[in-house]
């Protein structure tokens, strides 16, 4: 299969529009004294601007070329790993960000289980995905399939249902245009 992200890496930050870090700071309830994981974070385009509000930022991605660019931005730790098999102990991260990446994970349920595993008690995870309820996103999903990207965009409600169990709570936020966020909280251990 084609490794689309190794091909896109040299152009990614120039082609994909920058984000407003304030949106993510609020949704992630930053600052936090702990560690933050950007899972499937690629070049760190979304997470690197959030570095001032966390003790340490870890960008994990399967694409070597994307991580090389993340590493050049400094102040973060770039780790090559599939999200389904993260090399971190249980409860390592106070905050986890998955920005526009969940639909690219090969086994989404396994990836979500792994993310919950490395999320600390009392921690917060933010999953941002294209809002598949929007017609323009359905077209995007079709184009990604035609490009053999192996992506699978799920609704925010489907993702929330995947974490609907004891010890976790969630809420869904939509931007009204084409993004949906699932905010997941892991309860503190009593």
N, C-alpha and C. Protein backbone atom coordinates (compact mmCIF):
# COMPACT_ATOMS: atom_id res chain seq x y z
N UNK A 1 0.83 -1.19 0.00
CA UNK A 1 0.00 0.00 0.00
C UNK A 1 0.87 1.25 0.00
N UNK A 2 0.33 2.31 -0.50
CA UNK A 2 1.01 3.61 -0.53
C UNK A 2 1.04 4.20 0.87
N UNK A 3 2.18 4.73 1.28
CA UNK A 3 2.26 5.45 2.55
C UNK A 3 2.02 6.92 2.24
N UNK A 4 0.76 7.31 2.26
CA UNK A 4 0.37 8.67 1.88
C UNK A 4 1.05 9.73 2.73
N UNK A 5 1.23 9.46 4.02
CA UNK A 5 1.75 10.49 4.91
C UNK A 5 3.25 10.70 4.74
N UNK A 6 3.98 9.67 4.37
CA UNK A 6 5.39 9.89 4.05
C UNK A 6 5.51 10.74 2.78
N UNK A 7 4.58 10.57 1.86
CA UNK A 7 4.58 11.38 0.63
C UNK A 7 4.17 12.82 0.93
N UNK A 8 3.14 13.01 1.77
CA UNK A 8 2.62 14.35 2.08
C UNK A 8 3.50 15.14 3.04
N UNK A 9 4.33 14.47 3.80
CA UNK A 9 5.08 15.11 4.89
C UNK A 9 5.80 16.41 4.49
N UNK A 10 6.53 16.44 3.36
CA UNK A 10 7.25 17.67 3.03
C UNK A 10 6.35 18.88 2.78
N UNK A 11 5.10 18.63 2.45
CA UNK A 11 4.17 19.72 2.09
C UNK A 11 3.08 19.95 3.13
N UNK A 12 2.94 19.03 4.06
CA UNK A 12 1.79 19.00 4.95
C UNK A 12 1.54 20.32 5.67
N UNK A 13 2.54 20.85 6.35
CA UNK A 13 2.35 22.08 7.13
C UNK A 13 2.09 23.30 6.25
N UNK A 14 2.53 23.24 5.00
CA UNK A 14 2.30 24.37 4.10
C UNK A 14 0.92 24.32 3.45
N UNK A 15 0.37 23.13 3.30
CA UNK A 15 -0.90 22.96 2.60
C UNK A 15 -2.10 22.97 3.55
N UNK A 16 -1.95 22.34 4.70
CA UNK A 16 -3.05 22.26 5.66
C UNK A 16 -3.07 23.57 6.46
N UNK A 17 -4.22 24.22 6.55
CA UNK A 17 -4.27 25.52 7.22
C UNK A 17 -3.90 25.42 8.71
N UNK A 18 -3.30 26.48 9.26
CA UNK A 18 -2.97 26.47 10.68
C UNK A 18 -4.25 26.48 11.53
N UNK A 19 -4.12 26.05 12.76
CA UNK A 19 -5.26 26.00 13.67
C UNK A 19 -5.18 27.13 14.69
N UNK A 20 -6.29 27.42 15.32
CA UNK A 20 -6.32 28.38 16.42
C UNK A 20 -6.04 27.59 17.70
N UNK A 21 -4.85 27.73 18.29
CA UNK A 21 -4.52 26.93 19.47
C UNK A 21 -5.45 27.19 20.65
N UNK A 22 -6.09 28.35 20.70
CA UNK A 22 -6.98 28.67 21.82
C UNK A 22 -8.16 27.70 21.89
N UNK A 23 -8.67 27.27 20.74
CA UNK A 23 -9.76 26.29 20.73
C UNK A 23 -9.33 25.02 21.43
N UNK A 24 -8.15 24.53 21.11
CA UNK A 24 -7.66 23.28 21.68
C UNK A 24 -7.27 23.46 23.15
N UNK A 25 -6.74 24.63 23.48
CA UNK A 25 -6.39 24.91 24.88
C UNK A 25 -7.64 24.81 25.75
N UNK A 26 -8.75 25.39 25.28
CA UNK A 26 -9.99 25.36 26.04
C UNK A 26 -10.56 23.94 26.09
N UNK A 27 -10.64 23.27 24.94
CA UNK A 27 -11.21 21.92 24.90
C UNK A 27 -10.39 20.92 25.71
N UNK A 28 -9.08 21.11 25.78
CA UNK A 28 -8.21 20.22 26.55
C UNK A 28 -8.05 20.66 28.01
N UNK A 29 -8.70 21.76 28.37
CA UNK A 29 -8.64 22.29 29.73
C UNK A 29 -7.18 22.47 30.17
N UNK A 30 -6.44 23.22 29.36
CA UNK A 30 -5.04 23.51 29.65
C UNK A 30 -4.94 24.88 30.32
N UNK A 31 -3.96 25.11 31.17
CA UNK A 31 -2.74 24.33 31.35
C UNK A 31 -2.93 23.11 32.26
N UNK A 32 -1.96 22.21 32.16
CA UNK A 32 -1.91 21.03 33.02
C UNK A 32 -0.43 20.77 33.33
N UNK A 33 -0.16 20.29 34.52
CA UNK A 33 1.24 20.05 34.92
C UNK A 33 1.80 18.75 34.35
N UNK A 34 0.94 17.90 33.86
CA UNK A 34 1.38 16.59 33.40
C UNK A 34 1.81 16.57 31.94
N UNK A 35 1.91 15.36 31.43
CA UNK A 35 2.33 15.11 30.05
C UNK A 35 1.12 15.09 29.13
N UNK A 36 1.35 15.51 27.87
CA UNK A 36 0.30 15.43 26.86
C UNK A 36 0.80 14.61 25.68
N UNK A 37 -0.05 13.71 25.21
CA UNK A 37 0.23 12.88 24.04
C UNK A 37 -0.59 13.40 22.87
N UNK A 38 0.07 13.62 21.75
CA UNK A 38 -0.60 13.89 20.48
C UNK A 38 -0.50 12.60 19.68
N UNK A 39 -1.57 11.80 19.70
CA UNK A 39 -1.57 10.47 19.07
C UNK A 39 -1.96 10.60 17.61
N UNK A 40 -1.12 10.07 16.73
CA UNK A 40 -1.34 10.26 15.30
C UNK A 40 -1.08 11.71 14.94
N UNK A 41 -0.16 12.33 15.68
CA UNK A 41 0.07 13.77 15.61
C UNK A 41 0.86 14.27 14.42
N UNK A 42 1.40 13.37 13.61
CA UNK A 42 2.11 13.79 12.41
C UNK A 42 3.21 14.79 12.68
N UNK A 43 3.10 15.95 12.09
CA UNK A 43 4.13 16.99 12.21
C UNK A 43 3.99 17.81 13.50
N UNK A 44 2.97 17.50 14.31
CA UNK A 44 2.73 18.30 15.50
C UNK A 44 2.04 19.62 15.20
N UNK A 45 1.45 19.72 14.03
CA UNK A 45 0.81 20.95 13.58
C UNK A 45 -0.19 21.50 14.59
N UNK A 46 -0.98 20.63 15.21
CA UNK A 46 -1.99 21.08 16.17
C UNK A 46 -1.41 21.19 17.57
N UNK A 47 -0.57 20.26 17.97
CA UNK A 47 -0.13 20.19 19.37
C UNK A 47 1.05 21.09 19.72
N UNK A 48 1.97 21.31 18.80
CA UNK A 48 3.16 22.10 19.13
C UNK A 48 2.81 23.49 19.67
N UNK A 49 1.80 24.19 19.13
CA UNK A 49 1.45 25.48 19.72
C UNK A 49 0.92 25.38 21.16
N UNK A 50 0.58 24.17 21.61
CA UNK A 50 0.07 23.97 22.97
C UNK A 50 1.16 23.68 23.99
N UNK A 51 2.40 23.52 23.54
CA UNK A 51 3.52 23.19 24.43
C UNK A 51 3.63 24.07 25.67
N UNK A 52 3.41 25.39 25.55
CA UNK A 52 3.56 26.22 26.75
C UNK A 52 2.61 25.86 27.90
N UNK A 53 1.55 25.11 27.61
CA UNK A 53 0.55 24.81 28.63
C UNK A 53 0.65 23.40 29.20
N UNK A 54 1.70 22.65 28.83
CA UNK A 54 1.90 21.31 29.38
C UNK A 54 3.35 21.16 29.82
N UNK A 55 3.57 20.19 30.72
CA UNK A 55 4.95 19.96 31.18
C UNK A 55 5.82 19.41 30.05
N UNK A 56 5.26 18.46 29.30
CA UNK A 56 6.01 17.84 28.20
C UNK A 56 5.03 17.35 27.15
N UNK A 57 5.37 17.53 25.89
CA UNK A 57 4.55 17.09 24.78
C UNK A 57 5.22 15.90 24.09
N UNK A 58 4.44 14.85 23.87
CA UNK A 58 4.90 13.68 23.13
C UNK A 58 4.04 13.57 21.88
N UNK A 59 4.69 13.55 20.71
CA UNK A 59 3.98 13.35 19.44
C UNK A 59 4.28 11.92 18.99
N UNK A 60 3.24 11.11 18.87
CA UNK A 60 3.40 9.73 18.41
C UNK A 60 2.72 9.57 17.06
N UNK A 61 3.43 8.96 16.13
CA UNK A 61 2.89 8.75 14.79
C UNK A 61 3.61 7.58 14.15
N UNK A 62 2.95 6.91 13.21
CA UNK A 62 3.56 5.79 12.50
C UNK A 62 4.45 6.24 11.34
N UNK A 63 4.27 7.47 10.87
CA UNK A 63 5.02 7.96 9.71
C UNK A 63 6.35 8.59 10.15
N UNK A 64 7.43 8.00 9.70
CA UNK A 64 8.77 8.51 10.02
C UNK A 64 8.95 9.93 9.47
N UNK A 65 8.50 10.17 8.24
CA UNK A 65 8.69 11.49 7.61
C UNK A 65 7.92 12.58 8.35
N UNK A 66 6.70 12.27 8.80
CA UNK A 66 5.93 13.27 9.56
C UNK A 66 6.61 13.56 10.89
N UNK A 67 7.07 12.51 11.56
CA UNK A 67 7.73 12.70 12.87
C UNK A 67 9.04 13.46 12.76
N UNK A 68 9.76 13.28 11.67
CA UNK A 68 10.99 14.06 11.48
C UNK A 68 10.68 15.55 11.51
N UNK A 69 9.58 15.92 10.90
CA UNK A 69 9.17 17.33 10.91
C UNK A 69 8.72 17.78 12.30
N UNK A 70 8.04 16.92 13.01
CA UNK A 70 7.63 17.24 14.38
C UNK A 70 8.86 17.44 15.25
N UNK A 71 9.84 16.56 15.10
CA UNK A 71 11.06 16.65 15.90
C UNK A 71 11.85 17.92 15.66
N UNK A 72 11.80 18.44 14.43
CA UNK A 72 12.52 19.68 14.11
C UNK A 72 11.91 20.91 14.78
N UNK A 73 10.67 20.78 15.23
CA UNK A 73 10.00 21.93 15.86
C UNK A 73 10.48 22.13 17.29
N UNK A 74 11.18 21.18 17.85
CA UNK A 74 11.80 21.34 19.16
C UNK A 74 10.79 21.35 20.30
N UNK A 75 11.29 21.02 21.48
CA UNK A 75 10.48 21.08 22.67
C UNK A 75 9.47 19.95 22.82
N UNK A 76 9.52 18.97 21.94
CA UNK A 76 8.63 17.83 22.08
C UNK A 76 9.43 16.55 21.87
N UNK A 77 8.83 15.46 22.26
CA UNK A 77 9.45 14.16 22.11
C UNK A 77 8.69 13.42 21.02
N UNK A 78 9.33 13.13 19.89
CA UNK A 78 8.70 12.45 18.76
C UNK A 78 8.95 10.95 18.88
N UNK A 79 7.87 10.17 18.88
CA UNK A 79 7.96 8.72 19.07
C UNK A 79 7.26 8.03 17.91
N UNK A 80 7.99 7.17 17.22
CA UNK A 80 7.39 6.43 16.11
C UNK A 80 6.68 5.21 16.68
N UNK A 81 5.37 5.19 16.51
CA UNK A 81 4.57 4.10 17.06
C UNK A 81 3.18 4.12 16.43
N UNK A 82 2.64 2.93 16.24
CA UNK A 82 1.22 2.84 15.91
C UNK A 82 0.45 3.10 17.20
N UNK A 83 -0.68 3.73 17.08
CA UNK A 83 -1.47 4.06 18.26
C UNK A 83 -2.03 2.79 18.91
N UNK A 84 -2.21 1.75 18.13
CA UNK A 84 -2.73 0.50 18.69
C UNK A 84 -1.75 -0.19 19.63
N UNK A 85 -0.48 0.20 19.59
CA UNK A 85 0.55 -0.43 20.44
C UNK A 85 1.51 0.64 20.97
N UNK A 86 1.01 1.51 21.80
CA UNK A 86 1.83 2.61 22.32
C UNK A 86 2.85 2.09 23.33
N UNK A 87 4.09 2.62 23.29
CA UNK A 87 5.15 2.14 24.17
C UNK A 87 5.23 2.91 25.50
N UNK A 88 4.09 3.14 26.14
CA UNK A 88 4.07 3.92 27.38
C UNK A 88 3.35 3.13 28.47
N UNK A 89 3.76 3.34 29.72
CA UNK A 89 3.07 2.67 30.84
C UNK A 89 1.63 3.17 31.00
N UNK A 90 0.83 2.39 31.69
CA UNK A 90 -0.55 2.78 32.00
C UNK A 90 -0.56 4.14 32.68
N UNK A 91 -1.54 4.96 32.34
CA UNK A 91 -1.77 6.22 33.03
C UNK A 91 -0.69 7.26 32.89
N UNK A 92 0.06 7.25 31.81
CA UNK A 92 1.19 8.17 31.62
C UNK A 92 0.76 9.61 31.37
N UNK A 93 -0.35 9.82 30.66
CA UNK A 93 -0.67 11.15 30.14
C UNK A 93 -1.89 11.77 30.80
N UNK A 94 -1.74 13.02 31.23
CA UNK A 94 -2.86 13.79 31.77
C UNK A 94 -3.79 14.27 30.66
N UNK A 95 -3.24 14.50 29.49
CA UNK A 95 -4.02 14.95 28.34
C UNK A 95 -3.61 14.15 27.11
N UNK A 96 -4.61 13.81 26.30
CA UNK A 96 -4.36 13.14 25.02
C UNK A 96 -5.16 13.88 23.95
N UNK A 97 -4.49 14.16 22.84
CA UNK A 97 -5.11 14.81 21.69
C UNK A 97 -5.01 13.86 20.50
N UNK A 98 -6.11 13.68 19.81
CA UNK A 98 -6.14 12.94 18.54
C UNK A 98 -6.85 13.87 17.57
N UNK A 99 -6.09 14.61 16.78
CA UNK A 99 -6.65 15.63 15.90
C UNK A 99 -6.65 15.15 14.45
N UNK A 100 -7.83 14.90 13.92
CA UNK A 100 -8.00 14.54 12.52
C UNK A 100 -7.17 13.31 12.14
N UNK A 101 -7.11 12.34 13.06
CA UNK A 101 -6.29 11.16 12.82
C UNK A 101 -7.00 9.84 13.09
N UNK A 102 -8.01 9.85 13.93
CA UNK A 102 -8.66 8.60 14.35
C UNK A 102 -9.13 7.78 13.15
N UNK A 103 -9.63 8.44 12.12
CA UNK A 103 -10.14 7.72 10.95
C UNK A 103 -9.03 7.04 10.15
N UNK A 104 -7.77 7.36 10.44
CA UNK A 104 -6.65 6.71 9.76
C UNK A 104 -6.10 5.51 10.54
N UNK A 105 -6.52 5.33 11.79
CA UNK A 105 -6.01 4.22 12.59
C UNK A 105 -6.56 2.90 12.03
N UNK A 106 -5.66 1.93 11.90
CA UNK A 106 -6.03 0.65 11.28
C UNK A 106 -7.13 -0.05 12.07
N UNK A 107 -6.93 -0.21 13.36
CA UNK A 107 -7.93 -0.85 14.21
C UNK A 107 -8.39 0.18 15.24
N UNK A 108 -9.49 0.83 14.95
CA UNK A 108 -9.93 1.95 15.77
C UNK A 108 -10.28 1.55 17.19
N UNK A 109 -10.93 0.41 17.38
CA UNK A 109 -11.29 -0.02 18.74
C UNK A 109 -10.03 -0.30 19.55
N UNK A 110 -9.06 -0.98 18.96
CA UNK A 110 -7.80 -1.27 19.67
C UNK A 110 -7.06 0.03 19.99
N UNK A 111 -7.07 0.97 19.05
CA UNK A 111 -6.41 2.26 19.29
C UNK A 111 -7.08 2.99 20.45
N UNK A 112 -8.39 3.00 20.48
CA UNK A 112 -9.11 3.68 21.55
C UNK A 112 -8.83 3.02 22.90
N UNK A 113 -8.80 1.70 22.94
CA UNK A 113 -8.48 0.99 24.18
C UNK A 113 -7.08 1.35 24.67
N UNK A 114 -6.15 1.45 23.73
CA UNK A 114 -4.77 1.79 24.08
C UNK A 114 -4.68 3.23 24.59
N UNK A 115 -5.40 4.13 23.96
CA UNK A 115 -5.41 5.53 24.42
C UNK A 115 -6.00 5.65 25.82
N UNK A 116 -7.08 4.93 26.08
CA UNK A 116 -7.67 4.94 27.42
C UNK A 116 -6.68 4.35 28.43
N UNK A 117 -5.95 3.34 28.03
CA UNK A 117 -4.96 2.71 28.93
C UNK A 117 -3.90 3.71 29.36
N UNK A 118 -3.37 4.51 28.43
CA UNK A 118 -2.28 5.44 28.77
C UNK A 118 -2.78 6.77 29.33
N UNK A 119 -4.10 6.97 29.36
CA UNK A 119 -4.67 8.18 29.94
C UNK A 119 -4.69 8.03 31.47
N UNK A 120 -4.17 9.01 32.16
CA UNK A 120 -4.10 8.98 33.62
C UNK A 120 -5.49 9.12 34.23
N UNK A 121 -5.72 8.53 35.41
CA UNK A 121 -6.96 8.80 36.12
C UNK A 121 -7.12 10.32 36.32
N UNK A 122 -8.31 10.82 36.06
CA UNK A 122 -8.55 12.26 36.12
C UNK A 122 -8.14 12.98 34.85
N UNK A 123 -7.63 12.23 33.87
CA UNK A 123 -7.16 12.82 32.62
C UNK A 123 -8.28 13.06 31.63
N UNK A 124 -7.94 13.80 30.58
CA UNK A 124 -8.90 14.19 29.55
C UNK A 124 -8.32 13.87 28.18
N UNK A 125 -9.15 13.29 27.33
CA UNK A 125 -8.76 12.99 25.95
C UNK A 125 -9.70 13.74 25.01
N UNK A 126 -9.12 14.34 23.97
CA UNK A 126 -9.90 15.06 22.96
C UNK A 126 -9.68 14.40 21.62
N UNK A 127 -10.75 13.85 21.04
CA UNK A 127 -10.69 13.27 19.70
C UNK A 127 -11.42 14.20 18.75
N UNK A 128 -10.69 14.73 17.78
CA UNK A 128 -11.28 15.59 16.75
C UNK A 128 -11.35 14.79 15.46
N UNK A 129 -12.54 14.80 14.87
CA UNK A 129 -12.73 14.10 13.60
C UNK A 129 -13.60 14.94 12.67
N UNK A 130 -13.47 14.73 11.37
CA UNK A 130 -14.41 15.36 10.45
C UNK A 130 -15.82 14.88 10.80
N UNK A 131 -16.79 15.76 10.75
CA UNK A 131 -18.17 15.44 11.11
C UNK A 131 -18.86 14.76 9.93
N UNK A 132 -18.92 13.44 9.99
CA UNK A 132 -19.43 12.63 8.88
C UNK A 132 -20.91 12.88 8.61
N UNK A 133 -21.60 13.61 9.48
CA UNK A 133 -22.99 13.95 9.22
C UNK A 133 -23.11 15.07 8.18
N UNK A 134 -22.00 15.73 7.87
CA UNK A 134 -22.00 16.83 6.90
C UNK A 134 -21.75 16.28 5.49
N UNK A 135 -22.53 16.69 4.49
CA UNK A 135 -22.35 16.17 3.12
C UNK A 135 -20.94 16.35 2.58
N UNK A 136 -20.30 17.47 2.82
CA UNK A 136 -18.95 17.70 2.30
C UNK A 136 -17.96 16.69 2.88
N UNK A 137 -18.17 16.27 4.11
CA UNK A 137 -17.28 15.28 4.73
C UNK A 137 -17.55 13.89 4.15
N UNK A 138 -18.78 13.60 3.80
CA UNK A 138 -19.07 12.31 3.14
C UNK A 138 -18.33 12.23 1.80
N UNK A 139 -18.27 13.35 1.08
CA UNK A 139 -17.53 13.40 -0.18
C UNK A 139 -16.04 13.20 0.10
N UNK A 140 -15.51 13.87 1.13
CA UNK A 140 -14.10 13.70 1.51
C UNK A 140 -13.81 12.23 1.85
N UNK A 141 -14.70 11.60 2.58
CA UNK A 141 -14.50 10.19 2.94
C UNK A 141 -14.42 9.32 1.69
N UNK A 142 -15.27 9.59 0.72
CA UNK A 142 -15.24 8.85 -0.53
C UNK A 142 -13.92 9.09 -1.27
N UNK A 143 -13.47 10.33 -1.31
CA UNK A 143 -12.20 10.65 -1.99
C UNK A 143 -11.03 9.94 -1.32
N UNK A 144 -11.03 9.88 0.01
CA UNK A 144 -9.96 9.17 0.71
C UNK A 144 -9.99 7.69 0.38
N UNK A 145 -11.16 7.11 0.26
CA UNK A 145 -11.26 5.70 -0.11
C UNK A 145 -10.74 5.47 -1.53
N UNK A 146 -11.11 6.38 -2.45
CA UNK A 146 -10.64 6.26 -3.83
C UNK A 146 -9.12 6.41 -3.92
N UNK A 147 -8.54 7.18 -3.01
CA UNK A 147 -7.08 7.35 -2.96
C UNK A 147 -6.40 6.20 -2.20
N UNK A 148 -7.18 5.21 -1.83
CA UNK A 148 -6.69 4.02 -1.09
C UNK A 148 -6.02 4.40 0.22
N UNK A 149 -6.61 5.36 0.93
CA UNK A 149 -6.03 5.78 2.21
C UNK A 149 -6.45 4.88 3.37
N UNK A 150 -7.32 3.93 3.15
CA UNK A 150 -7.78 2.99 4.18
C UNK A 150 -8.41 3.69 5.38
N UNK A 151 -8.92 4.90 5.19
CA UNK A 151 -9.51 5.62 6.31
C UNK A 151 -10.98 5.24 6.47
N UNK A 152 -11.46 5.41 7.70
CA UNK A 152 -12.86 5.11 8.02
C UNK A 152 -13.34 6.16 9.01
N UNK A 153 -14.10 7.12 8.51
CA UNK A 153 -14.60 8.20 9.36
C UNK A 153 -15.87 7.74 10.05
N UNK A 154 -15.84 7.76 11.37
CA UNK A 154 -17.00 7.37 12.18
C UNK A 154 -17.69 8.62 12.71
N UNK A 155 -18.95 8.49 13.02
CA UNK A 155 -19.66 9.61 13.64
C UNK A 155 -19.15 9.79 15.07
N UNK A 156 -19.29 11.01 15.57
CA UNK A 156 -18.90 11.29 16.97
C UNK A 156 -19.69 10.38 17.92
N UNK A 157 -20.94 10.12 17.60
CA UNK A 157 -21.77 9.26 18.44
C UNK A 157 -21.24 7.82 18.46
N UNK A 158 -20.77 7.34 17.32
CA UNK A 158 -20.19 5.99 17.27
C UNK A 158 -18.92 5.92 18.10
N UNK A 159 -18.07 6.93 17.99
CA UNK A 159 -16.84 6.96 18.79
C UNK A 159 -17.19 7.01 20.28
N UNK A 160 -18.14 7.86 20.65
CA UNK A 160 -18.55 7.95 22.05
C UNK A 160 -19.07 6.60 22.55
N UNK A 161 -19.82 5.91 21.71
CA UNK A 161 -20.32 4.59 22.08
C UNK A 161 -19.21 3.58 22.33
N UNK A 162 -18.07 3.79 21.69
CA UNK A 162 -16.93 2.88 21.87
C UNK A 162 -16.27 3.05 23.24
N UNK A 163 -16.54 4.18 23.90
CA UNK A 163 -15.96 4.42 25.24
C UNK A 163 -17.04 4.52 26.30
N UNK A 164 -18.23 4.07 25.99
CA UNK A 164 -19.37 4.17 26.91
C UNK A 164 -19.29 3.03 27.93
N UNK A 165 -18.51 3.25 28.98
CA UNK A 165 -18.35 2.23 30.01
C UNK A 165 -17.96 2.88 31.33
N UNK A 166 -18.00 2.10 32.38
CA UNK A 166 -17.66 2.60 33.71
C UNK A 166 -16.26 3.21 33.72
N UNK A 167 -16.13 4.30 34.44
CA UNK A 167 -14.83 4.95 34.57
C UNK A 167 -14.57 6.02 33.54
N UNK A 168 -15.42 6.08 32.52
CA UNK A 168 -15.25 7.08 31.47
C UNK A 168 -16.56 7.84 31.28
N UNK A 169 -16.43 9.13 31.02
CA UNK A 169 -17.59 9.91 30.61
C UNK A 169 -17.19 10.69 29.37
N UNK A 170 -18.18 11.12 28.61
CA UNK A 170 -17.88 11.79 27.36
C UNK A 170 -18.96 12.82 27.04
N UNK A 171 -18.57 13.75 26.17
CA UNK A 171 -19.53 14.70 25.59
C UNK A 171 -19.07 15.00 24.18
N UNK A 172 -20.01 15.41 23.35
CA UNK A 172 -19.73 15.71 21.95
C UNK A 172 -19.94 17.20 21.72
N UNK A 173 -19.01 17.80 20.98
CA UNK A 173 -19.09 19.20 20.60
C UNK A 173 -18.91 19.26 19.08
N UNK A 174 -19.73 20.06 18.42
CA UNK A 174 -19.59 20.26 16.98
C UNK A 174 -19.31 21.72 16.70
N UNK A 175 -18.51 21.99 15.68
CA UNK A 175 -18.21 23.40 15.35
C UNK A 175 -19.24 24.01 14.41
N UNK A 176 -20.22 23.23 13.97
CA UNK A 176 -21.27 23.75 13.10
C UNK A 176 -20.88 23.79 11.64
N UNK A 177 -19.62 23.45 11.35
CA UNK A 177 -19.17 23.45 9.95
C UNK A 177 -18.79 22.04 9.53
N UNK A 178 -17.62 21.56 9.94
CA UNK A 178 -17.23 20.21 9.52
C UNK A 178 -16.44 19.42 10.53
N UNK A 179 -16.34 19.92 11.77
CA UNK A 179 -15.60 19.19 12.79
C UNK A 179 -16.51 18.74 13.93
N UNK A 180 -16.16 17.61 14.51
CA UNK A 180 -16.81 17.12 15.72
C UNK A 180 -15.71 16.72 16.70
N UNK A 181 -15.91 17.02 17.96
CA UNK A 181 -14.97 16.63 19.01
C UNK A 181 -15.68 15.73 20.00
N UNK A 182 -15.01 14.67 20.40
CA UNK A 182 -15.47 13.83 21.49
C UNK A 182 -14.50 14.08 22.63
N UNK A 183 -15.01 14.63 23.73
CA UNK A 183 -14.21 14.90 24.92
C UNK A 183 -14.45 13.76 25.89
N UNK A 184 -13.39 13.07 26.26
CA UNK A 184 -13.49 11.88 27.11
C UNK A 184 -12.76 12.15 28.41
N UNK A 185 -13.44 11.92 29.53
CA UNK A 185 -12.84 12.08 30.85
C UNK A 185 -12.70 10.71 31.50
N UNK A 186 -11.53 10.49 32.09
CA UNK A 186 -11.30 9.26 32.84
C UNK A 186 -11.39 9.61 34.31
N UNK A 187 -12.27 8.95 35.01
CA UNK A 187 -12.51 9.27 36.42
C UNK A 187 -11.25 9.01 37.26
N UNK A 188 -11.12 9.84 38.31
CA UNK A 188 -10.06 9.62 39.28
C UNK A 188 -10.30 8.31 40.02
N UNK A 189 -9.22 7.68 40.43
CA UNK A 189 -9.35 6.49 41.26
C UNK A 189 -9.67 6.96 42.67
N UNK A 190 -10.76 6.42 43.30
CA UNK A 190 -11.13 6.90 44.63
C UNK A 190 -10.11 6.57 45.69
